[in-house]
Amino acid sequence: MSIAAPSFAAWDHARPGVWMFTDDLDRDQAVSLVTRLEALGYSSLFVPETTGRDPFAHLAALGEHTSKLVLATGIASIFNRHPGSMQQVSQTLAEQVDGRFLLGLGVSHAPMVEGLRKLDYSRPRAQMQQYLEAMNASPYAGPPPPRPPARVLAALGPRMLELAAEAADGAHTYFVTPDHTAQARQALGPDKILAVEQKVVLETEPARARDLARVSISRYARLPNYRKSWARLGFTDEDIAELSDRLVDGLVAWGTAADLQARIRDHYDAGATHVCLQPVVEAGDEDARWAVLEALAPGAD
């Protein structure tokens, strides 16, 4: 599928990027990560926000050590900052890294927002819409970035995808299939960013590959937002409860490097503007993680 390149995109989005938790890396390791990713030809790094590093401060520091890599929040929670503060920090970071910043915003999950933050999570779509409106109304008097940071919304279901089409520059999807990518593209229209996260396991032995994938899936399977998303994609309650082979194979790409590349192409063919890869390896096995990233590297210019 041919997708119009957003005029505000600051990167070669057809080259895959990387989605990664970096809180297990110290400062020097994180710097080594981004310089190595850039040398391998990856076009972006998406980092999440949980309860660890502030992603904006972290990406600002990493931006000092890169010149091409687009740095993205995947995603920053709207419940962690006032919309005026989010406007300031996103504009400032975009200016500091010469426009190489993509702002991913999301509503997170009820257990995090209500359970940990003790905040209201009763109307996530309406809360996101109000937040975006408040951001738009917030003044910013600092030096302008070379280009305003594009905003993408963490969106899985039809209502949040609709909002991403109406009030943002696109969507960032997570733990989805190529079928979902096709549905998301239809909801967004042809001109919006659709940045898709895809977990990958470089392992050809089926039982071993699926065991690694299940560890990753199990961390998310208790969250209602993902369970609902997977159900909409046709996975049964039994699939989700048992983390069936069907669920694993649909959500996580495994096999040879060629198999993983085929899944990446499936997302692009379905309408993704960008695919960011998340290697799934044994905890702490950096050699295995880099083996995946090197095998799938798009190559430097």
C-alpha atoms as a PDB file:
ATOM      1  CA  MET A   1       0.000   0.000   0.000  1.00  0.00           C
ATOM      2  CA  SER A   2       1.341   3.438  -0.897  1.00  0.00           C
ATOM      3  CA  ILE A   3       1.092   5.902   1.966  1.00  0.00           C
ATOM      4  CA  ALA A   4       1.726   9.604   1.578  1.00  0.00           C
ATOM      5  CA  ALA A   5       4.789  10.717   3.530  1.00  0.00           C
ATOM      6  CA  PRO A   6       3.740  13.222   6.191  1.00  0.00           C
ATOM      7  CA  SER A   7       5.364  16.555   5.478  1.00  0.00           C
ATOM      8  CA  PHE A   8       6.229  16.905   9.156  1.00  0.00           C
ATOM      9  CA  ALA A   9       8.124  13.598   9.327  1.00  0.00           C
ATOM     10  CA  ALA A  10      11.777  14.255  10.044  1.00  0.00           C
ATOM     11  CA  TRP A  11      13.036  10.804   9.201  1.00  0.00           C
ATOM     12  CA  ASP A  12      13.194   8.088   6.586  1.00  0.00           C
ATOM     13  CA  HIS A  13      10.241   6.277   8.111  1.00  0.00           C
ATOM     14  CA  ALA A  14      10.439   3.394   5.627  1.00  0.00           C
ATOM     15  CA  ARG A  15      13.549   2.266   7.475  1.00  0.00           C
ATOM     16  CA  PRO A  16      12.559   0.379  10.611  1.00  0.00           C
ATOM     17  CA  GLY A  17      13.252   1.735  14.038  1.00  0.00           C
ATOM     18  CA  VAL A  18      13.622   0.178  17.468  1.00  0.00           C
ATOM     19  CA  TRP A  19      11.260   0.128  20.445  1.00  0.00           C
ATOM     20  CA  MET A  20      13.069  -0.577  23.698  1.00  0.00           C
ATOM     21  CA  PHE A  21      12.935  -0.339  27.467  1.00  0.00           C
ATOM     22  CA  THR A  22      16.188   1.378  28.443  1.00  0.00           C
ATOM     23  CA  ASP A  23      15.880   1.664  32.214  1.00  0.00           C
ATOM     24  CA  ASP A  24      18.126  -1.379  32.614  1.00  0.00           C
ATOM     25  CA  LEU A  25      20.951   0.514  30.889  1.00  0.00           C
ATOM     26  CA  ASP A  26      23.175   3.015  32.652  1.00  0.00           C
ATOM     27  CA  ARG A  27      23.970   6.334  30.984  1.00  0.00           C
ATOM     28  CA  ASP A  28      27.020   5.108  29.073  1.00  0.00           C
ATOM     29  CA  GLN A  29      25.221   1.977  27.903  1.00  0.00           C
ATOM     30  CA  ALA A  30      22.280   4.058  26.687  1.00  0.00           C
ATOM     31  CA  VAL A  31      24.620   6.335  24.740  1.00  0.00           C
ATOM     32  CA  SER A  32      26.296   3.284  23.227  1.00  0.00           C
ATOM     33  CA  LEU A  33      22.856   1.969  22.283  1.00  0.00           C
ATOM     34  CA  VAL A  34      21.813   5.000  20.254  1.00  0.00           C
ATOM     35  CA  THR A  35      25.157   5.468  18.532  1.00  0.00           C
ATOM     36  CA  ARG A  36      25.176   1.817  17.537  1.00  0.00           C
ATOM     37  CA  LEU A  37      21.565   1.900  16.333  1.00  0.00           C
ATOM     38  CA  GLU A  38      22.338   4.930  14.206  1.00  0.00           C
ATOM     39  CA  ALA A  39      25.409   3.215  12.744  1.00  0.00           C
ATOM     40  CA  LEU A  40      23.289   0.172  11.853  1.00  0.00           C
ATOM     41  CA  GLY A  41      20.891   2.382   9.917  1.00  0.00           C
ATOM     42  CA  TYR A  42      17.864   2.274  12.185  1.00  0.00           C
ATOM     43  CA  SER A  43      15.817   5.423  11.822  1.00  0.00           C
ATOM     44  CA  SER A  44      14.201   5.799  15.248  1.00  0.00           C
ATOM     45  CA  LEU A  45      14.236   4.849  18.899  1.00  0.00           C
ATOM     46  CA  PHE A  46      10.940   4.674  20.789  1.00  0.00           C
ATOM     47  CA  VAL A  47      11.131   4.566  24.584  1.00  0.00           C
ATOM     48  CA  PRO A  48       8.196   4.046  26.943  1.00  0.00           C
ATOM     49  CA  GLU A  49       7.270   5.847  30.126  1.00  0.00           C
ATOM     50  CA  THR A  50       6.555   3.770  33.221  1.00  0.00           C
ATOM     51  CA  THR A  51       7.976   4.625  36.642  1.00  0.00           C
ATOM     52  CA  GLY A  52      11.625   4.891  35.649  1.00  0.00           C
ATOM     53  CA  ARG A  53      13.528   7.586  33.812  1.00  0.00           C
ATOM     54  CA  ASP A  54      11.705  10.662  32.612  1.00  0.00           C
ATOM     55  CA  PRO A  55      11.614   9.953  28.867  1.00  0.00           C
ATOM     56  CA  PHE A  56      12.038  13.584  27.820  1.00  0.00           C
ATOM     57  CA  ALA A  57      15.163  14.189  29.903  1.00  0.00           C
ATOM     58  CA  HIS A  58      16.492  10.817  28.783  1.00  0.00           C
ATOM     59  CA  LEU A  59      15.920  11.482  25.080  1.00  0.00           C
ATOM     60  CA  ALA A  60      17.387  14.977  25.343  1.00  0.00           C
ATOM     61  CA  ALA A  61      20.599  13.468  26.699  1.00  0.00           C
ATOM     62  CA  LEU A  62      20.678  10.793  24.000  1.00  0.00           C
ATOM     63  CA  GLY A  63      20.056  13.384  21.317  1.00  0.00           C
ATOM     64  CA  GLU A  64      23.435  14.926  22.065  1.00  0.00           C
ATOM     65  CA  HIS A  65      25.070  11.741  20.785  1.00  0.00           C
ATOM     66  CA  THR A  66      23.088  11.243  17.568  1.00  0.00           C
ATOM     67  CA  SER A  67      22.573  13.210  14.383  1.00  0.00           C
ATOM     68  CA  LYS A  68      19.978  11.223  12.397  1.00  0.00           C
ATOM     69  CA  LEU A  69      18.060   9.013  14.795  1.00  0.00           C
ATOM     70  CA  VAL A  70      14.517  10.195  15.485  1.00  0.00           C
ATOM     71  CA  LEU A  71      13.751   9.997  19.196  1.00  0.00           C
ATOM     72  CA  ALA A  72      10.202   9.184  20.222  1.00  0.00           C
ATOM     73  CA  THR A  73       8.138   8.646  23.328  1.00  0.00           C
ATOM     74  CA  GLY A  74       6.256   5.412  22.975  1.00  0.00           C
ATOM     75  CA  ILE A  75       4.387   6.564  24.906  1.00  0.00           C
ATOM     76  CA  ALA A  76       4.317   9.412  27.447  1.00  0.00           C
ATOM     77  CA  SER A  77       1.311   9.286  29.755  1.00  0.00           C
ATOM     78  CA  ILE A  78      -1.017  12.273  29.750  1.00  0.00           C
ATOM     79  CA  PHE A  79      -1.648  11.623  33.440  1.00  0.00           C
ATOM     80  CA  ASN A  80       1.950  12.401  34.398  1.00  0.00           C
ATOM     81  CA  ARG A  81       2.072  16.035  33.235  1.00  0.00           C
ATOM     82  CA  HIS A  82      -0.106  19.100  32.936  1.00  0.00           C
ATOM     83  CA  PRO A  83      -0.891  19.741  29.241  1.00  0.00           C
ATOM     84  CA  GLY A  84       0.943  23.065  29.406  1.00  0.00           C
ATOM     85  CA  SER A  85       4.036  21.275  30.690  1.00  0.00           C
ATOM     86  CA  MET A  86       3.702  18.673  27.941  1.00  0.00           C
ATOM     87  CA  GLN A  87       3.561  21.432  25.347  1.00  0.00           C
ATOM     88  CA  GLN A  88       6.696  23.036  26.774  1.00  0.00           C
ATOM     89  CA  VAL A  89       8.750  19.873  27.107  1.00  0.00           C
ATOM     90  CA  SER A  90       7.831  18.555  23.656  1.00  0.00           C
ATOM     91  CA  GLN A  91       8.628  21.847  21.920  1.00  0.00           C
ATOM     92  CA  THR A  92      11.860  22.225  23.880  1.00  0.00           C
ATOM     93  CA  LEU A  93      13.037  18.708  23.126  1.00  0.00           C
ATOM     94  CA  ALA A  94      12.215  19.081  19.429  1.00  0.00           C
ATOM     95  CA  GLU A  95      14.248  22.289  19.362  1.00  0.00           C
ATOM     96  CA  GLN A  96      17.166  20.721  21.254  1.00  0.00           C
ATOM     97  CA  VAL A  97      17.466  17.766  18.853  1.00  0.00           C
ATOM     98  CA  ASP A  98      16.961  19.769  15.635  1.00  0.00           C
ATOM     99  CA  GLY A  99      13.450  18.503  15.022  1.00  0.00           C
ATOM    100  CA  ARG A 100      14.252  14.800  15.465  1.00  0.00           C
ATOM    101  CA  PHE A 101      11.492  14.197  17.991  1.00  0.00           C
ATOM    102  CA  LEU A 102       8.133  12.445  17.764  1.00  0.00           C
ATOM    103  CA  LEU A 103       5.687  12.881  20.649  1.00  0.00           C
ATOM    104  CA  GLY A 104       3.760   9.731  21.431  1.00  0.00           C
ATOM    105  CA  LEU A 105       0.951  10.321  23.922  1.00  0.00           C
ATOM    106  CA  GLY A 106      -1.271   7.791  25.613  1.00  0.00           C
ATOM    107  CA  VAL A 107      -3.768   7.212  28.377  1.00  0.00           C
ATOM    108  CA  SER A 108      -1.762   4.328  29.844  1.00  0.00           C
ATOM    109  CA  HIS A 109      -3.814   1.733  31.745  1.00  0.00           C
ATOM    110  CA  ALA A 110      -6.296   1.789  34.594  1.00  0.00           C
ATOM    111  CA  PRO A 111      -4.050  -0.166  37.015  1.00  0.00           C
ATOM    112  CA  MET A 112      -1.329   2.436  36.536  1.00  0.00           C
ATOM    113  CA  VAL A 113      -3.521   5.543  36.530  1.00  0.00           C
ATOM    114  CA  GLU A 114      -6.058   4.586  39.186  1.00  0.00           C
ATOM    115  CA  GLY A 115      -4.031   2.081  41.157  1.00  0.00           C
ATOM    116  CA  LEU A 116      -0.662   3.818  41.289  1.00  0.00           C
ATOM    117  CA  ARG A 117      -1.372   7.475  40.500  1.00  0.00           C
ATOM    118  CA  LYS A 118      -4.781   7.561  42.252  1.00  0.00           C
ATOM    119  CA  LEU A 119      -6.267   9.518  39.334  1.00  0.00           C
ATOM    120  CA  ASP A 120      -9.544   9.220  37.456  1.00  0.00           C
ATOM    121  CA  TYR A 121      -9.594   6.867  34.460  1.00  0.00           C
ATOM    122  CA  SER A 122     -13.315   6.837  33.778  1.00  0.00           C
ATOM    123  CA  ARG A 123     -13.301   8.481  30.302  1.00  0.00           C
ATOM    124  CA  PRO A 124      -9.914   7.901  28.641  1.00  0.00           C
ATOM    125  CA  ARG A 125     -10.929   9.023  25.150  1.00  0.00           C
ATOM    126  CA  ALA A 126     -12.611  12.199  26.391  1.00  0.00           C
ATOM    127  CA  GLN A 127      -9.680  12.854  28.708  1.00  0.00           C
ATOM    128  CA  MET A 128      -7.259  12.542  25.802  1.00  0.00           C
ATOM    129  CA  GLN A 129      -9.339  14.884  23.650  1.00  0.00           C
ATOM    130  CA  GLN A 130      -9.491  17.490  26.417  1.00  0.00           C
ATOM    131  CA  TYR A 131      -5.763  17.113  27.008  1.00  0.00           C
ATOM    132  CA  LEU A 132      -4.931  17.744  23.349  1.00  0.00           C
ATOM    133  CA  GLU A 133      -7.190  20.791  23.301  1.00  0.00           C
ATOM    134  CA  ALA A 134      -5.461  22.140  26.404  1.00  0.00           C
ATOM    135  CA  MET A 135      -2.044  21.539  24.839  1.00  0.00           C
ATOM    136  CA  ASN A 136      -3.106  23.442  21.740  1.00  0.00           C
ATOM    137  CA  ALA A 137      -4.252  26.349  23.894  1.00  0.00           C
ATOM    138  CA  SER A 138      -1.011  26.471  25.900  1.00  0.00           C
ATOM    139  CA  PRO A 139       1.449  29.178  24.840  1.00  0.00           C
ATOM    140  CA  TYR A 140       5.088  28.396  24.172  1.00  0.00           C
ATOM    141  CA  ALA A 141       7.505  31.321  24.137  1.00  0.00           C
ATOM    142  CA  GLY A 142      10.802  29.473  23.724  1.00  0.00           C
ATOM    143  CA  PRO A 143      12.883  29.211  20.549  1.00  0.00           C
ATOM    144  CA  PRO A 144      10.798  27.286  18.013  1.00  0.00           C
ATOM    145  CA  PRO A 145      12.039  23.904  16.810  1.00  0.00           C
ATOM    146  CA  PRO A 146      12.924  23.481  13.115  1.00  0.00           C
ATOM    147  CA  ARG A 147       9.590  21.670  12.770  1.00  0.00           C
ATOM    148  CA  PRO A 148       6.812  21.215  15.312  1.00  0.00           C
ATOM    149  CA  PRO A 149       6.941  17.774  16.894  1.00  0.00           C
ATOM    150  CA  ALA A 150       4.402  15.445  15.342  1.00  0.00           C
ATOM    151  CA  ARG A 151       1.948  13.941  17.834  1.00  0.00           C
ATOM    152  CA  VAL A 152       0.797  10.348  17.639  1.00  0.00           C
ATOM    153  CA  LEU A 153      -1.657   8.704  20.002  1.00  0.00           C
ATOM    154  CA  ALA A 154      -1.393   5.256  21.505  1.00  0.00           C
ATOM    155  CA  ALA A 155      -4.459   3.796  19.828  1.00  0.00           C
ATOM    156  CA  LEU A 156      -5.790   0.262  19.626  1.00  0.00           C
ATOM    157  CA  GLY A 157      -9.572   0.534  19.462  1.00  0.00           C
ATOM    158  CA  PRO A 158     -11.786   2.347  16.963  1.00  0.00           C
ATOM    159  CA  ARG A 159     -12.620   5.316  19.182  1.00  0.00           C
ATOM    160  CA  MET A 160      -9.019   6.237  19.970  1.00  0.00           C
ATOM    161  CA  LEU A 161      -8.031   5.665  16.342  1.00  0.00           C
ATOM    162  CA  GLU A 162     -10.833   8.022  15.356  1.00  0.00           C
ATOM    163  CA  LEU A 163      -9.443  10.651  17.722  1.00  0.00           C
ATOM    164  CA  ALA A 164      -5.931  10.111  16.356  1.00  0.00           C
ATOM    165  CA  ALA A 165      -7.282  10.826  12.882  1.00  0.00           C
ATOM    166  CA  GLU A 166      -9.200  13.910  13.979  1.00  0.00           C
ATOM    167  CA  ALA A 167      -6.926  15.558  16.534  1.00  0.00           C
ATOM    168  CA  ALA A 168      -3.372  14.236  16.099  1.00  0.00           C
ATOM    169  CA  ASP A 169      -0.822  13.445  13.429  1.00  0.00           C
ATOM    170  CA  GLY A 170      -1.407   9.719  13.630  1.00  0.00           C
ATOM    171  CA  ALA A 171      -1.219   6.677  15.856  1.00  0.00           C
ATOM    172  CA  HIS A 172       1.312   4.450  17.572  1.00  0.00           C
ATOM    173  CA  THR A 173       0.116   0.858  17.903  1.00  0.00           C
ATOM    174  CA  TYR A 174       1.541  -1.824  20.165  1.00  0.00           C
ATOM    175  CA  PHE A 175       1.160  -5.599  20.338  1.00  0.00           C
ATOM    176  CA  VAL A 176      -0.881  -5.819  17.139  1.00  0.00           C
ATOM    177  CA  THR A 177      -1.121  -7.931  13.996  1.00  0.00           C
ATOM    178  CA  PRO A 178      -0.863  -6.847  10.353  1.00  0.00           C
ATOM    179  CA  ASP A 179      -4.655  -7.171  10.195  1.00  0.00           C
ATOM    180  CA  HIS A 180      -4.896  -4.518  12.897  1.00  0.00           C
ATOM    181  CA  THR A 181      -2.489  -2.349  10.919  1.00  0.00           C
ATOM    182  CA  ALA A 182      -4.833  -2.541   7.928  1.00  0.00           C
ATOM    183  CA  GLN A 183      -7.801  -1.606  10.125  1.00  0.00           C
ATOM    184  CA  ALA A 184      -5.863   1.259  11.699  1.00  0.00           C
ATOM    185  CA  ARG A 185      -4.841   2.622   8.308  1.00  0.00           C
ATOM    186  CA  GLN A 186      -8.443   2.595   7.155  1.00  0.00           C
ATOM    187  CA  ALA A 187      -9.480   4.460  10.306  1.00  0.00           C
ATOM    188  CA  LEU A 188      -6.683   7.029  10.026  1.00  0.00           C
ATOM    189  CA  GLY A 189      -6.913   7.749   6.321  1.00  0.00           C
ATOM    190  CA  PRO A 190      -3.984   7.848   3.887  1.00  0.00           C
ATOM    191  CA  ASP A 191      -1.966  10.780   5.195  1.00  0.00           C
ATOM    192  CA  LYS A 192      -1.488  10.110   8.901  1.00  0.00           C
ATOM    193  CA  ILE A 193       1.509   8.530  10.606  1.00  0.00           C
ATOM    194  CA  LEU A 194       0.980   4.913  11.633  1.00  0.00           C
ATOM    195  CA  ALA A 195       3.961   3.761  13.694  1.00  0.00           C
ATOM    196  CA  VAL A 196       3.635   0.077  14.539  1.00  0.00           C
ATOM    197  CA  GLU A 197       5.588  -1.773  17.227  1.00  0.00           C
ATOM    198  CA  GLN A 198       6.462  -5.394  16.385  1.00  0.00           C
ATOM    199  CA  LYS A 199       8.069  -7.883  18.766  1.00  0.00           C
ATOM    200  CA  VAL A 200      10.588 -10.204  17.139  1.00  0.00           C
ATOM    201  CA  VAL A 201      12.260 -13.448  18.255  1.00  0.00           C
ATOM    202  CA  LEU A 202      15.257 -14.651  16.244  1.00  0.00           C
ATOM    203  CA  GLU A 203      14.736 -18.349  16.945  1.00  0.00           C
ATOM    204  CA  THR A 204      13.693 -21.145  14.588  1.00  0.00           C
ATOM    205  CA  GLU A 205      12.861 -23.851  17.138  1.00  0.00           C
ATOM    206  CA  PRO A 206       9.105 -23.413  17.666  1.00  0.00           C
ATOM    207  CA  ALA A 207       8.859 -24.345  21.339  1.00  0.00           C
ATOM    208  CA  ARG A 208      11.819 -22.185  22.302  1.00  0.00           C
ATOM    209  CA  ALA A 209      10.586 -19.209  20.258  1.00  0.00           C
ATOM    210  CA  ARG A 210       7.071 -19.400  21.666  1.00  0.00           C
ATOM    211  CA  ASP A 211       8.329 -19.757  25.225  1.00  0.00           C
ATOM    212  CA  LEU A 212      10.271 -16.508  24.863  1.00  0.00           C
ATOM    213  CA  ALA A 213       7.267 -14.815  23.290  1.00  0.00           C
ATOM    214  CA  ARG A 214       4.925 -15.991  26.051  1.00  0.00           C
ATOM    215  CA  VAL A 215       7.082 -14.406  28.731  1.00  0.00           C
ATOM    216  CA  SER A 216       6.694 -11.078  26.943  1.00  0.00           C
ATOM    217  CA  ILE A 217       2.960 -11.484  26.310  1.00  0.00           C
ATOM    218  CA  SER A 218       2.234 -12.563  29.883  1.00  0.00           C
ATOM    219  CA  ARG A 219       3.336  -9.166  31.207  1.00  0.00           C
ATOM    220  CA  TYR A 220       0.554  -7.502  29.234  1.00  0.00           C
ATOM    221  CA  ALA A 221      -2.190 -10.133  29.181  1.00  0.00           C
ATOM    222  CA  ARG A 222      -3.650  -8.964  32.492  1.00  0.00           C
ATOM    223  CA  LEU A 223      -4.261  -5.442  31.177  1.00  0.00           C
ATOM    224  CA  PRO A 224      -7.844  -4.907  29.960  1.00  0.00           C
ATOM    225  CA  ASN A 225      -6.856  -2.617  27.078  1.00  0.00           C
ATOM    226  CA  TYR A 226      -4.762  -5.337  25.444  1.00  0.00           C
ATOM    227  CA  ARG A 227      -7.216  -8.122  26.155  1.00  0.00           C
ATOM    228  CA  LYS A 228      -9.971  -6.116  24.472  1.00  0.00           C
ATOM    229  CA  SER A 229      -7.721  -5.338  21.522  1.00  0.00           C
ATOM    230  CA  TRP A 230      -6.817  -8.982  21.004  1.00  0.00           C
ATOM    231  CA  ALA A 231     -10.470 -10.006  21.273  1.00  0.00           C
ATOM    232  CA  ARG A 232     -11.362  -7.485  18.554  1.00  0.00           C
ATOM    233  CA  LEU A 233      -8.738  -9.160  16.370  1.00  0.00           C
ATOM    234  CA  GLY A 234     -10.545 -12.479  16.692  1.00  0.00           C
ATOM    235  CA  PHE A 235      -8.597 -14.159  19.467  1.00  0.00           C
ATOM    236  CA  THR A 236     -10.811 -16.103  21.844  1.00  0.00           C
ATOM    237  CA  ASP A 237     -10.959 -15.913  25.622  1.00  0.00           C
ATOM    238  CA  GLU A 238      -9.225 -19.288  25.639  1.00  0.00           C
ATOM    239  CA  ASP A 239      -6.459 -18.016  23.331  1.00  0.00           C
ATOM    240  CA  ILE A 240      -5.820 -15.108  25.672  1.00  0.00           C
ATOM    241  CA  ALA A 241      -6.111 -17.062  28.921  1.00  0.00           C
ATOM    242  CA  GLU A 242      -3.798 -19.838  27.745  1.00  0.00           C
ATOM    243  CA  LEU A 243      -1.508 -17.680  25.566  1.00  0.00           C
ATOM    244  CA  SER A 244      -2.179 -20.127  22.765  1.00  0.00           C
ATOM    245  CA  ASP A 245       0.152 -20.797  19.862  1.00  0.00           C
ATOM    246  CA  ARG A 246      -2.337 -18.943  17.670  1.00  0.00           C
ATOM    247  CA  LEU A 247      -2.119 -15.830  19.852  1.00  0.00           C
ATOM    248  CA  VAL A 248       1.664 -16.019  20.122  1.00  0.00           C
ATOM    249  CA  ASP A 249       2.164 -16.476  16.392  1.00  0.00           C
ATOM    250  CA  GLY A 250      -0.193 -13.616  15.617  1.00  0.00           C
ATOM    251  CA  LEU A 251       1.409 -11.093  17.937  1.00  0.00           C
ATOM    252  CA  VAL A 252       5.106 -12.003  17.930  1.00  0.00           C
ATOM    253  CA  ALA A 253       7.185 -12.685  14.831  1.00  0.00           C
ATOM    254  CA  TRP A 254       9.658 -15.535  15.242  1.00  0.00           C
ATOM    255  CA  GLY A 255      11.928 -17.589  13.021  1.00  0.00           C
ATOM    256  CA  THR A 256      14.796 -16.707  10.717  1.00  0.00           C
ATOM    257  CA  ALA A 257      15.800 -13.167   9.873  1.00  0.00           C
ATOM    258  CA  ALA A 258      13.915 -13.627   6.598  1.00  0.00           C
ATOM    259  CA  ASP A 259      10.787 -14.648   8.518  1.00  0.00           C
ATOM    260  CA  LEU A 260      11.028 -11.530  10.666  1.00  0.00           C
ATOM    261  CA  GLN A 261      11.595  -9.322   7.643  1.00  0.00           C
ATOM    262  CA  ALA A 262       8.477 -10.816   6.070  1.00  0.00           C
ATOM    263  CA  ARG A 263       6.382  -9.761   9.078  1.00  0.00           C
ATOM    264  CA  ILE A 264       7.817  -6.249   8.853  1.00  0.00           C
ATOM    265  CA  ARG A 265       6.830  -6.130   5.172  1.00  0.00           C
ATOM    266  CA  ASP A 266       3.348  -7.350   6.078  1.00  0.00           C
ATOM    267  CA  HIS A 267       2.870  -4.277   8.267  1.00  0.00           C
ATOM    268  CA  TYR A 268       4.145  -1.919   5.585  1.00  0.00           C
ATOM    269  CA  ASP A 269       1.933  -3.597   2.994  1.00  0.00           C
ATOM    270  CA  ALA A 270      -1.031  -3.209   5.361  1.00  0.00           C
ATOM    271  CA  GLY A 271      -0.463   0.531   5.666  1.00  0.00           C
ATOM    272  CA  ALA A 272       2.191   1.221   8.292  1.00  0.00           C
ATOM    273  CA  THR A 273       4.269   4.321   7.735  1.00  0.00           C
ATOM    274  CA  HIS A 274       6.868   3.067  10.199  1.00  0.00           C
ATOM    275  CA  VAL A 275       7.646  -0.169  12.022  1.00  0.00           C
ATOM    276  CA  CYS A 276       9.696  -0.212  15.215  1.00  0.00           C
ATOM    277  CA  LEU A 277      11.126  -3.541  16.334  1.00  0.00           C
ATOM    278  CA  GLN A 278      11.302  -4.835  19.880  1.00  0.00           C
ATOM    279  CA  PRO A 279      13.695  -7.780  20.222  1.00  0.00           C
ATOM    280  CA  VAL A 280      12.435 -10.420  22.638  1.00  0.00           C
ATOM    281  CA  VAL A 281      15.304 -12.226  24.367  1.00  0.00           C
ATOM    282  CA  GLU A 282      16.148 -13.729  27.731  1.00  0.00           C
ATOM    283  CA  ALA A 283      16.304 -11.059  30.436  1.00  0.00           C
ATOM    284  CA  GLY A 284      19.728  -9.466  30.502  1.00  0.00           C
ATOM    285  CA  ASP A 285      21.020 -11.186  27.354  1.00  0.00           C
ATOM    286  CA  GLU A 286      22.455  -8.187  25.538  1.00  0.00           C
ATOM    287  CA  ASP A 287      24.374 -10.354  23.083  1.00  0.00           C
ATOM    288  CA  ALA A 288      21.122 -11.946  21.927  1.00  0.00           C
ATOM    289  CA  ARG A 289      19.433  -8.559  21.639  1.00  0.00           C
ATOM    290  CA  TRP A 290      22.213  -7.224  19.449  1.00  0.00           C
ATOM    291  CA  ALA A 291      22.197 -10.386  17.348  1.00  0.00           C
ATOM    292  CA  VAL A 292      18.571  -9.609  16.480  1.00  0.00           C
ATOM    293  CA  LEU A 293      19.240  -5.942  15.778  1.00  0.00           C
ATOM    294  CA  GLU A 294      22.257  -6.694  13.605  1.00  0.00           C
ATOM    295  CA  ALA A 295      20.391  -9.382  11.662  1.00  0.00           C
ATOM    296  CA  LEU A 296      17.551  -6.972  10.859  1.00  0.00           C
ATOM    297  CA  ALA A 297      19.611  -3.796  10.453  1.00  0.00           C
ATOM    298  CA  PRO A 298      18.526  -1.716   7.460  1.00  0.00           C
ATOM    299  CA  GLY A 299      22.112  -0.573   6.869  1.00  0.00           C
ATOM    300  CA  ALA A 300      23.743   2.829   7.136  1.00  0.00           C
ATOM    301  CA  ASP A 301      23.604   5.371   4.319  1.00  0.00           C
END
